[in-house]
N, C-alpha and C. Protein backbone atom coordinates (compact mmCIF):
# COMPACT_ATOMS: atom_id res chain seq x y z
N LEU A 1 -30.52 13.32 20.75
CA LEU A 1 -31.00 14.67 20.90
C LEU A 1 -31.26 14.96 22.37
N ILE A 2 -31.02 16.17 22.73
CA ILE A 2 -31.35 16.63 24.08
C ILE A 2 -32.86 16.89 24.11
N ALA A 3 -33.45 16.91 25.30
CA ALA A 3 -34.90 17.02 25.46
C ALA A 3 -35.52 18.18 24.68
N ASP A 4 -34.81 19.29 24.52
CA ASP A 4 -35.39 20.44 23.82
C ASP A 4 -35.22 20.36 22.30
N GLY A 5 -34.72 19.24 21.77
CA GLY A 5 -34.61 19.05 20.33
C GLY A 5 -33.28 19.45 19.72
N ARG A 6 -32.40 20.04 20.51
CA ARG A 6 -31.08 20.41 20.00
C ARG A 6 -30.21 19.15 19.92
N PRO A 7 -29.28 19.11 18.95
CA PRO A 7 -28.38 17.95 18.89
C PRO A 7 -27.45 17.92 20.10
N HIS A 8 -27.14 16.73 20.50
CA HIS A 8 -26.20 16.53 21.60
C HIS A 8 -24.82 17.00 21.13
N PRO A 9 -24.09 17.76 21.93
CA PRO A 9 -22.77 18.23 21.48
C PRO A 9 -21.81 17.06 21.26
N SER A 10 -21.00 17.19 20.24
CA SER A 10 -20.01 16.16 19.95
C SER A 10 -18.90 16.20 20.98
N PRO A 11 -18.43 15.03 21.40
CA PRO A 11 -17.31 15.03 22.34
C PRO A 11 -16.03 15.45 21.62
N ASP A 12 -15.13 16.05 22.38
CA ASP A 12 -13.83 16.38 21.81
C ASP A 12 -13.05 15.08 21.62
N PHE A 13 -12.46 14.93 20.46
CA PHE A 13 -11.70 13.72 20.17
C PHE A 13 -10.59 14.09 19.20
N THR A 14 -9.40 13.62 19.51
CA THR A 14 -8.30 13.81 18.57
C THR A 14 -7.72 12.46 18.20
N LEU A 15 -7.15 12.43 17.05
CA LEU A 15 -6.61 11.22 16.46
C LEU A 15 -5.12 11.41 16.23
N ARG A 16 -4.32 10.42 16.61
CA ARG A 16 -2.89 10.48 16.34
C ARG A 16 -2.68 10.16 14.86
N VAL A 17 -2.04 11.08 14.16
CA VAL A 17 -1.84 10.95 12.72
C VAL A 17 -0.36 11.09 12.42
N TYR A 18 0.13 10.23 11.52
CA TYR A 18 1.52 10.31 11.07
C TYR A 18 1.55 10.87 9.66
N GLU A 19 2.53 11.70 9.41
CA GLU A 19 2.77 12.19 8.06
C GLU A 19 3.35 11.04 7.25
N SER A 20 2.79 10.79 6.08
CA SER A 20 3.25 9.68 5.25
C SER A 20 3.16 10.08 3.79
N GLY A 21 4.10 10.87 3.34
CA GLY A 21 4.08 11.31 1.95
C GLY A 21 2.89 12.21 1.69
N ALA A 22 2.18 11.95 0.60
CA ALA A 22 1.05 12.79 0.22
C ALA A 22 -0.19 12.51 1.06
N GLN A 23 -0.18 11.41 1.78
CA GLN A 23 -1.36 11.00 2.52
C GLN A 23 -0.97 10.69 3.96
N ASP A 24 -1.74 11.16 4.91
CA ASP A 24 -1.47 10.85 6.30
C ASP A 24 -1.99 9.46 6.64
N THR A 25 -1.50 8.91 7.75
CA THR A 25 -1.92 7.59 8.16
C THR A 25 -2.03 7.53 9.68
N ILE A 26 -2.83 6.61 10.18
CA ILE A 26 -3.00 6.48 11.63
C ILE A 26 -2.15 5.35 12.20
N ASP A 27 -1.40 4.67 11.36
CA ASP A 27 -0.57 3.57 11.83
C ASP A 27 0.65 3.44 10.92
N ARG A 28 1.69 2.80 11.44
CA ARG A 28 2.92 2.55 10.67
C ARG A 28 3.31 1.09 10.91
N VAL A 29 3.40 0.34 9.83
CA VAL A 29 3.75 -1.07 9.95
C VAL A 29 4.91 -1.42 9.04
N GLY A 30 5.60 -2.50 9.39
CA GLY A 30 6.59 -3.11 8.53
C GLY A 30 5.93 -4.32 7.89
N LEU A 31 6.00 -4.42 6.58
CA LEU A 31 5.32 -5.49 5.85
C LEU A 31 6.31 -6.51 5.33
N ILE A 32 6.02 -7.78 5.55
CA ILE A 32 6.75 -8.87 4.91
C ILE A 32 5.76 -9.50 3.94
N LEU A 33 6.01 -9.30 2.65
CA LEU A 33 5.08 -9.76 1.62
C LEU A 33 5.58 -11.06 1.01
N PRO A 34 4.94 -12.19 1.33
CA PRO A 34 5.33 -13.44 0.69
C PRO A 34 4.83 -13.46 -0.75
N THR A 35 5.66 -13.92 -1.64
CA THR A 35 5.26 -13.96 -3.05
C THR A 35 4.61 -15.28 -3.42
N SER A 36 4.45 -16.18 -2.45
CA SER A 36 3.80 -17.46 -2.72
C SER A 36 3.27 -18.05 -1.42
N LEU A 37 2.48 -19.09 -1.57
CA LEU A 37 1.98 -19.84 -0.42
C LEU A 37 3.14 -20.39 0.40
N CYS A 38 4.14 -20.93 -0.27
CA CYS A 38 5.26 -21.57 0.43
C CYS A 38 6.06 -20.60 1.29
N SER A 39 6.19 -19.37 0.86
CA SER A 39 6.94 -18.41 1.67
C SER A 39 6.05 -17.71 2.69
N GLY A 40 4.76 -17.93 2.63
CA GLY A 40 3.83 -17.28 3.54
C GLY A 40 4.04 -17.63 5.00
N GLN A 41 4.27 -18.89 5.28
CA GLN A 41 4.47 -19.29 6.67
C GLN A 41 5.81 -18.79 7.21
N ILE A 42 6.81 -18.70 6.35
CA ILE A 42 8.11 -18.15 6.77
C ILE A 42 7.95 -16.65 7.05
N ALA A 43 7.17 -15.96 6.23
CA ALA A 43 6.90 -14.54 6.45
C ALA A 43 6.20 -14.34 7.79
N ARG A 44 5.26 -15.22 8.11
CA ARG A 44 4.56 -15.14 9.39
C ARG A 44 5.52 -15.35 10.55
N MET A 45 6.43 -16.32 10.41
CA MET A 45 7.45 -16.56 11.44
C MET A 45 8.33 -15.32 11.62
N ALA A 46 8.71 -14.71 10.52
CA ALA A 46 9.58 -13.52 10.58
C ALA A 46 8.87 -12.37 11.29
N ALA A 47 7.61 -12.13 10.94
CA ALA A 47 6.86 -11.05 11.58
C ALA A 47 6.75 -11.29 13.08
N ARG A 48 6.45 -12.51 13.46
CA ARG A 48 6.35 -12.83 14.89
C ARG A 48 7.69 -12.58 15.59
N ARG A 49 8.77 -13.02 14.98
CA ARG A 49 10.11 -12.84 15.56
C ARG A 49 10.44 -11.36 15.74
N LEU A 50 10.19 -10.55 14.72
CA LEU A 50 10.48 -9.12 14.79
C LEU A 50 9.62 -8.44 15.85
N ASN A 51 8.35 -8.83 15.94
CA ASN A 51 7.47 -8.25 16.95
C ASN A 51 7.90 -8.64 18.36
N GLU A 52 8.29 -9.90 18.55
CA GLU A 52 8.74 -10.34 19.87
C GLU A 52 9.99 -9.60 20.32
N LYS A 53 10.84 -9.24 19.37
CA LYS A 53 12.07 -8.51 19.70
C LYS A 53 11.84 -7.00 19.83
N GLY A 54 10.66 -6.54 19.48
CA GLY A 54 10.36 -5.11 19.59
C GLY A 54 11.05 -4.25 18.55
N ILE A 55 11.49 -4.86 17.48
CA ILE A 55 12.18 -4.11 16.42
C ILE A 55 11.21 -3.13 15.79
N GLY A 56 11.67 -1.92 15.59
CA GLY A 56 10.85 -0.90 14.94
C GLY A 56 10.06 0.00 15.87
N GLN A 57 9.90 -0.41 17.10
CA GLN A 57 9.09 0.41 18.02
C GLN A 57 9.72 1.77 18.28
N ALA A 58 11.04 1.82 18.32
CA ALA A 58 11.72 3.10 18.60
C ALA A 58 11.50 4.12 17.49
N CYS A 59 11.18 3.66 16.28
CA CYS A 59 10.95 4.61 15.18
C CYS A 59 9.48 4.69 14.79
N GLY A 60 8.60 4.31 15.69
CA GLY A 60 7.18 4.53 15.46
C GLY A 60 6.42 3.42 14.76
N LEU A 61 7.05 2.27 14.51
CA LEU A 61 6.30 1.15 13.94
C LEU A 61 5.48 0.51 15.05
N SER A 62 4.22 0.22 14.76
CA SER A 62 3.40 -0.44 15.77
C SER A 62 3.63 -1.95 15.74
N ARG A 63 3.98 -2.49 14.56
CA ARG A 63 4.15 -3.94 14.45
C ARG A 63 4.61 -4.30 13.04
N PHE A 64 5.00 -5.55 12.92
CA PHE A 64 5.28 -6.15 11.62
C PHE A 64 4.12 -7.06 11.27
N VAL A 65 3.78 -7.09 9.99
CA VAL A 65 2.68 -7.93 9.52
C VAL A 65 3.15 -8.72 8.30
N SER A 66 2.51 -9.85 8.09
CA SER A 66 2.74 -10.63 6.87
C SER A 66 1.38 -10.98 6.29
N LEU A 67 1.35 -11.19 5.01
CA LEU A 67 0.11 -11.54 4.33
C LEU A 67 0.16 -13.03 4.00
N THR A 68 -0.36 -13.84 4.90
CA THR A 68 -0.33 -15.28 4.67
C THR A 68 -1.70 -15.76 4.23
N HIS A 69 -1.71 -16.85 3.51
CA HIS A 69 -2.97 -17.44 3.06
C HIS A 69 -2.78 -18.94 2.93
N THR A 70 -3.87 -19.63 2.74
CA THR A 70 -3.82 -21.09 2.63
C THR A 70 -4.52 -21.57 1.37
N GLU A 71 -4.72 -20.68 0.43
CA GLU A 71 -5.59 -20.99 -0.70
C GLU A 71 -4.85 -21.19 -2.01
N GLY A 72 -3.74 -21.83 -1.98
CA GLY A 72 -3.07 -22.14 -3.23
C GLY A 72 -1.86 -21.28 -3.48
N CYS A 73 -1.19 -21.57 -4.56
CA CYS A 73 0.12 -21.00 -4.82
C CYS A 73 0.08 -19.67 -5.54
N GLY A 74 -1.04 -19.23 -5.97
CA GLY A 74 -1.05 -17.94 -6.65
C GLY A 74 -1.90 -17.97 -7.88
N VAL A 75 -1.34 -17.54 -8.98
CA VAL A 75 -2.11 -17.36 -10.20
C VAL A 75 -1.35 -17.94 -11.38
N SER A 76 -2.07 -18.18 -12.46
CA SER A 76 -1.43 -18.78 -13.62
C SER A 76 -1.18 -17.80 -14.75
N GLY A 77 -1.72 -16.61 -14.66
CA GLY A 77 -1.51 -15.62 -15.70
C GLY A 77 -2.79 -14.90 -16.06
N GLY A 78 -2.68 -14.02 -17.03
CA GLY A 78 -3.85 -13.31 -17.53
C GLY A 78 -4.43 -12.33 -16.53
N PRO A 79 -5.74 -12.11 -16.61
CA PRO A 79 -6.39 -11.12 -15.73
C PRO A 79 -6.22 -11.41 -14.24
N SER A 80 -6.21 -12.68 -13.86
CA SER A 80 -6.06 -12.99 -12.43
C SER A 80 -4.67 -12.61 -11.93
N GLU A 81 -3.66 -12.80 -12.77
CA GLU A 81 -2.30 -12.40 -12.39
C GLU A 81 -2.20 -10.88 -12.27
N ASP A 82 -2.83 -10.17 -13.18
CA ASP A 82 -2.80 -8.72 -13.12
C ASP A 82 -3.51 -8.21 -11.87
N LEU A 83 -4.65 -8.78 -11.54
CA LEU A 83 -5.38 -8.39 -10.33
C LEU A 83 -4.54 -8.68 -9.09
N TYR A 84 -3.94 -9.84 -9.04
CA TYR A 84 -3.07 -10.22 -7.92
C TYR A 84 -1.91 -9.24 -7.77
N THR A 85 -1.26 -8.92 -8.88
CA THR A 85 -0.11 -8.03 -8.86
C THR A 85 -0.51 -6.62 -8.42
N ARG A 86 -1.62 -6.12 -8.94
CA ARG A 86 -2.09 -4.79 -8.53
C ARG A 86 -2.43 -4.77 -7.04
N THR A 87 -3.04 -5.84 -6.55
CA THR A 87 -3.41 -5.90 -5.14
C THR A 87 -2.17 -5.91 -4.26
N MET A 88 -1.18 -6.73 -4.59
CA MET A 88 0.04 -6.80 -3.78
C MET A 88 0.82 -5.49 -3.86
N THR A 89 0.83 -4.85 -5.03
CA THR A 89 1.47 -3.55 -5.17
C THR A 89 0.77 -2.52 -4.28
N GLY A 90 -0.53 -2.62 -4.18
CA GLY A 90 -1.28 -1.74 -3.29
C GLY A 90 -0.86 -1.89 -1.84
N TYR A 91 -0.65 -3.13 -1.40
CA TYR A 91 -0.17 -3.35 -0.03
C TYR A 91 1.23 -2.76 0.15
N LEU A 92 2.10 -2.98 -0.83
CA LEU A 92 3.48 -2.50 -0.72
C LEU A 92 3.56 -0.98 -0.67
N THR A 93 2.67 -0.30 -1.37
CA THR A 93 2.73 1.16 -1.47
C THR A 93 1.72 1.87 -0.58
N HIS A 94 1.01 1.13 0.25
CA HIS A 94 0.01 1.72 1.14
C HIS A 94 0.67 2.70 2.11
N PRO A 95 0.03 3.81 2.43
CA PRO A 95 0.63 4.79 3.34
C PRO A 95 1.02 4.21 4.71
N MET A 96 0.34 3.18 5.19
CA MET A 96 0.70 2.58 6.48
C MET A 96 1.97 1.74 6.39
N THR A 97 2.34 1.33 5.19
CA THR A 97 3.53 0.50 5.02
C THR A 97 4.76 1.41 5.03
N THR A 98 5.43 1.44 6.17
CA THR A 98 6.61 2.28 6.33
C THR A 98 7.79 1.68 5.59
N THR A 99 7.93 0.38 5.68
CA THR A 99 9.00 -0.34 5.00
C THR A 99 8.49 -1.75 4.70
N ALA A 100 9.01 -2.36 3.65
CA ALA A 100 8.52 -3.68 3.25
C ALA A 100 9.63 -4.52 2.66
N LEU A 101 9.46 -5.82 2.80
CA LEU A 101 10.37 -6.80 2.21
C LEU A 101 9.54 -7.85 1.50
N LEU A 102 9.95 -8.19 0.29
CA LEU A 102 9.29 -9.26 -0.46
C LEU A 102 10.06 -10.55 -0.24
N LEU A 103 9.35 -11.60 0.11
CA LEU A 103 9.96 -12.89 0.42
C LEU A 103 9.47 -13.95 -0.55
N GLU A 104 10.39 -14.45 -1.36
CA GLU A 104 10.04 -15.53 -2.27
C GLU A 104 10.50 -16.85 -1.67
N HIS A 105 9.85 -17.92 -2.11
CA HIS A 105 10.37 -19.25 -1.76
C HIS A 105 11.49 -19.59 -2.72
N GLY A 106 11.26 -19.33 -4.00
CA GLY A 106 12.32 -19.53 -4.98
C GLY A 106 11.87 -20.28 -6.21
N CYS A 107 10.69 -20.88 -6.16
CA CYS A 107 10.26 -21.68 -7.32
C CYS A 107 8.93 -21.20 -7.89
N GLU A 108 8.36 -20.13 -7.34
CA GLU A 108 7.04 -19.69 -7.76
C GLU A 108 7.09 -18.86 -9.04
N ARG A 109 5.96 -18.70 -9.65
CA ARG A 109 5.84 -17.89 -10.86
C ARG A 109 6.02 -16.40 -10.54
N THR A 110 5.45 -15.96 -9.44
CA THR A 110 5.51 -14.55 -9.06
C THR A 110 6.64 -14.34 -8.05
N HIS A 111 7.85 -14.59 -8.49
CA HIS A 111 9.05 -14.49 -7.64
C HIS A 111 9.52 -13.04 -7.56
N ASN A 112 10.62 -12.83 -6.87
CA ASN A 112 11.11 -11.46 -6.66
C ASN A 112 11.41 -10.73 -7.97
N ASP A 113 12.02 -11.40 -8.94
CA ASP A 113 12.32 -10.72 -10.21
C ASP A 113 11.03 -10.33 -10.94
N PHE A 114 10.01 -11.17 -10.85
CA PHE A 114 8.70 -10.82 -11.41
C PHE A 114 8.21 -9.51 -10.79
N TYR A 115 8.29 -9.43 -9.46
CA TYR A 115 7.83 -8.21 -8.79
C TYR A 115 8.70 -7.01 -9.10
N ARG A 116 10.00 -7.20 -9.24
CA ARG A 116 10.86 -6.07 -9.63
C ARG A 116 10.39 -5.48 -10.95
N GLN A 117 10.11 -6.35 -11.92
CA GLN A 117 9.65 -5.88 -13.23
C GLN A 117 8.29 -5.19 -13.12
N GLN A 118 7.37 -5.80 -12.37
CA GLN A 118 6.03 -5.23 -12.24
C GLN A 118 6.07 -3.87 -11.54
N LEU A 119 6.86 -3.76 -10.48
CA LEU A 119 6.96 -2.49 -9.76
C LEU A 119 7.60 -1.42 -10.64
N LYS A 120 8.62 -1.81 -11.39
CA LYS A 120 9.29 -0.86 -12.29
C LYS A 120 8.30 -0.36 -13.35
N GLN A 121 7.51 -1.27 -13.93
CA GLN A 121 6.52 -0.88 -14.94
C GLN A 121 5.48 0.08 -14.37
N ARG A 122 5.20 -0.03 -13.09
CA ARG A 122 4.21 0.83 -12.44
C ARG A 122 4.84 2.11 -11.87
N GLY A 123 6.14 2.29 -12.08
CA GLY A 123 6.81 3.50 -11.63
C GLY A 123 7.06 3.57 -10.14
N VAL A 124 7.11 2.42 -9.48
CA VAL A 124 7.33 2.37 -8.04
C VAL A 124 8.83 2.33 -7.76
N ASP A 125 9.29 3.12 -6.81
CA ASP A 125 10.70 3.15 -6.42
C ASP A 125 11.04 1.86 -5.69
N MET A 126 11.82 1.01 -6.32
CA MET A 126 12.15 -0.30 -5.73
C MET A 126 13.20 -0.21 -4.64
N ASP A 127 13.88 0.91 -4.52
CA ASP A 127 14.88 1.06 -3.47
C ASP A 127 14.26 1.06 -2.08
N ARG A 128 12.96 1.25 -1.99
CA ARG A 128 12.31 1.27 -0.68
C ARG A 128 11.97 -0.12 -0.16
N PHE A 129 12.30 -1.17 -0.93
CA PHE A 129 11.95 -2.53 -0.54
C PHE A 129 13.18 -3.39 -0.32
N GLY A 130 13.01 -4.39 0.54
CA GLY A 130 14.01 -5.43 0.71
C GLY A 130 13.56 -6.67 -0.04
N TRP A 131 14.51 -7.54 -0.29
CA TRP A 131 14.24 -8.75 -1.07
C TRP A 131 14.94 -9.92 -0.39
N ALA A 132 14.24 -11.03 -0.24
CA ALA A 132 14.84 -12.22 0.36
C ALA A 132 14.24 -13.46 -0.30
N SER A 133 14.98 -14.57 -0.20
CA SER A 133 14.57 -15.82 -0.82
C SER A 133 14.89 -16.99 0.11
N VAL A 134 13.89 -17.78 0.43
CA VAL A 134 14.11 -18.93 1.31
C VAL A 134 15.17 -19.84 0.71
N GLN A 135 15.08 -20.14 -0.57
CA GLN A 135 16.04 -21.05 -1.20
C GLN A 135 17.39 -20.39 -1.42
N LEU A 136 17.42 -19.23 -2.06
CA LEU A 136 18.69 -18.60 -2.40
C LEU A 136 19.48 -18.13 -1.19
N ASP A 137 18.79 -17.78 -0.11
CA ASP A 137 19.48 -17.31 1.09
C ASP A 137 19.92 -18.45 2.01
N GLY A 138 19.59 -19.69 1.66
CA GLY A 138 20.13 -20.82 2.40
C GLY A 138 19.22 -21.47 3.43
N GLY A 139 17.92 -21.30 3.29
CA GLY A 139 17.00 -21.97 4.20
C GLY A 139 16.33 -21.02 5.18
N ILE A 140 15.50 -21.60 6.02
CA ILE A 140 14.64 -20.82 6.90
C ILE A 140 15.44 -19.97 7.89
N ASP A 141 16.36 -20.58 8.62
CA ASP A 141 17.11 -19.82 9.64
C ASP A 141 17.88 -18.66 9.03
N LYS A 142 18.53 -18.91 7.91
CA LYS A 142 19.33 -17.85 7.29
C LYS A 142 18.45 -16.75 6.72
N VAL A 143 17.31 -17.11 6.15
CA VAL A 143 16.45 -16.06 5.59
C VAL A 143 15.80 -15.25 6.71
N LEU A 144 15.50 -15.88 7.84
CA LEU A 144 14.97 -15.12 8.98
C LEU A 144 15.99 -14.11 9.48
N ASP A 145 17.26 -14.52 9.52
CA ASP A 145 18.33 -13.59 9.91
C ASP A 145 18.45 -12.45 8.90
N ARG A 146 18.36 -12.78 7.62
CA ARG A 146 18.46 -11.74 6.57
C ARG A 146 17.32 -10.74 6.68
N ILE A 147 16.12 -11.24 6.92
CA ILE A 147 14.95 -10.36 7.06
C ILE A 147 15.15 -9.42 8.24
N GLU A 148 15.57 -9.97 9.36
CA GLU A 148 15.80 -9.14 10.55
C GLU A 148 16.87 -8.08 10.27
N SER A 149 17.96 -8.48 9.64
CA SER A 149 19.03 -7.53 9.32
C SER A 149 18.53 -6.41 8.42
N PHE A 150 17.74 -6.77 7.41
CA PHE A 150 17.21 -5.74 6.51
C PHE A 150 16.41 -4.71 7.29
N PHE A 151 15.49 -5.15 8.12
CA PHE A 151 14.64 -4.21 8.84
C PHE A 151 15.43 -3.40 9.87
N VAL A 152 16.34 -4.04 10.58
CA VAL A 152 17.16 -3.30 11.55
C VAL A 152 17.95 -2.21 10.84
N ASP A 153 18.61 -2.56 9.74
CA ASP A 153 19.42 -1.59 9.00
C ASP A 153 18.57 -0.49 8.38
N THR A 154 17.44 -0.86 7.80
CA THR A 154 16.57 0.12 7.14
C THR A 154 15.97 1.09 8.15
N LEU A 155 15.49 0.56 9.26
CA LEU A 155 14.85 1.41 10.26
C LEU A 155 15.85 2.32 10.98
N ALA A 156 17.11 1.90 11.03
CA ALA A 156 18.14 2.69 11.71
C ALA A 156 18.40 4.02 11.01
N VAL A 157 18.15 4.09 9.71
CA VAL A 157 18.43 5.32 8.97
C VAL A 157 17.17 6.12 8.62
N LEU A 158 16.01 5.63 9.01
CA LEU A 158 14.78 6.38 8.75
C LEU A 158 14.67 7.56 9.70
N ASP A 159 14.20 8.66 9.18
CA ASP A 159 13.90 9.79 10.05
C ASP A 159 12.70 9.43 10.92
N PRO A 160 12.67 9.94 12.15
CA PRO A 160 11.50 9.66 12.98
C PRO A 160 10.25 10.25 12.34
N PRO A 161 9.12 9.61 12.55
CA PRO A 161 7.90 10.11 11.91
C PRO A 161 7.44 11.42 12.54
N THR A 162 6.81 12.23 11.71
CA THR A 162 6.15 13.42 12.22
C THR A 162 4.75 13.01 12.64
N MET A 163 4.46 13.21 13.92
CA MET A 163 3.17 12.81 14.45
C MET A 163 2.47 14.03 15.02
N TYR A 164 1.18 14.11 14.77
CA TYR A 164 0.40 15.21 15.32
C TYR A 164 -1.01 14.72 15.59
N HIS A 165 -1.80 15.52 16.24
CA HIS A 165 -3.18 15.16 16.56
C HIS A 165 -4.13 15.98 15.69
N ARG A 166 -5.12 15.30 15.17
CA ARG A 166 -6.13 15.94 14.33
C ARG A 166 -7.50 15.44 14.76
N GLY A 167 -8.52 16.13 14.29
CA GLY A 167 -9.89 15.73 14.57
C GLY A 167 -10.34 14.56 13.71
N LEU A 168 -11.54 14.10 13.96
CA LEU A 168 -12.06 12.95 13.24
C LEU A 168 -12.18 13.17 11.73
N GLU A 169 -12.15 14.41 11.30
CA GLU A 169 -12.25 14.67 9.86
C GLU A 169 -11.06 14.07 9.10
N ARG A 170 -9.97 13.75 9.80
CA ARG A 170 -8.79 13.15 9.16
C ARG A 170 -8.86 11.63 9.09
N LEU A 171 -9.85 11.03 9.74
CA LEU A 171 -9.97 9.58 9.78
C LEU A 171 -10.51 9.07 8.45
N ARG A 172 -9.76 8.14 7.85
CA ARG A 172 -10.20 7.51 6.60
C ARG A 172 -10.59 6.08 6.91
N LEU A 173 -11.81 5.73 6.61
CA LEU A 173 -12.31 4.39 6.93
C LEU A 173 -12.11 3.42 5.79
N ALA A 174 -12.01 3.89 4.59
CA ALA A 174 -11.83 2.97 3.48
C ALA A 174 -11.12 3.67 2.35
């Protein structure tokens, strides 16, 4: 408060916002979603490689991210599998996720075909995702090349994002 009791005036502030379907977003990322612990480290390697090459920057992506963990291979079924699937679907369909690829190792329970079925049941357009497999694509080097090719090709045909500035009222914290 100012000495006379009036509130201090708010500073002018604008936020860079991207149009993203029904909901705006303040960032745009490319997601590599590992479907298991085993593919998690490969997903991390792929994200690092894409970021080092600057892929996606020309079309407004700030970076590539992967969701890696060290806490086991996943779930065995039932409510925990449903929670896991809903959570991963949330990441895939999040407004900040401009494009995404699911990476399986090849032997897990929640492999790419599992996710295709789950996404279809939830009414998610699967054409917006890429799919890769460490085992089926021929090992680490080949799958890293496939991941890079998917993102390069996908980003080449995306329309540039519509970006504008808005006030803090557009900021979503959670």
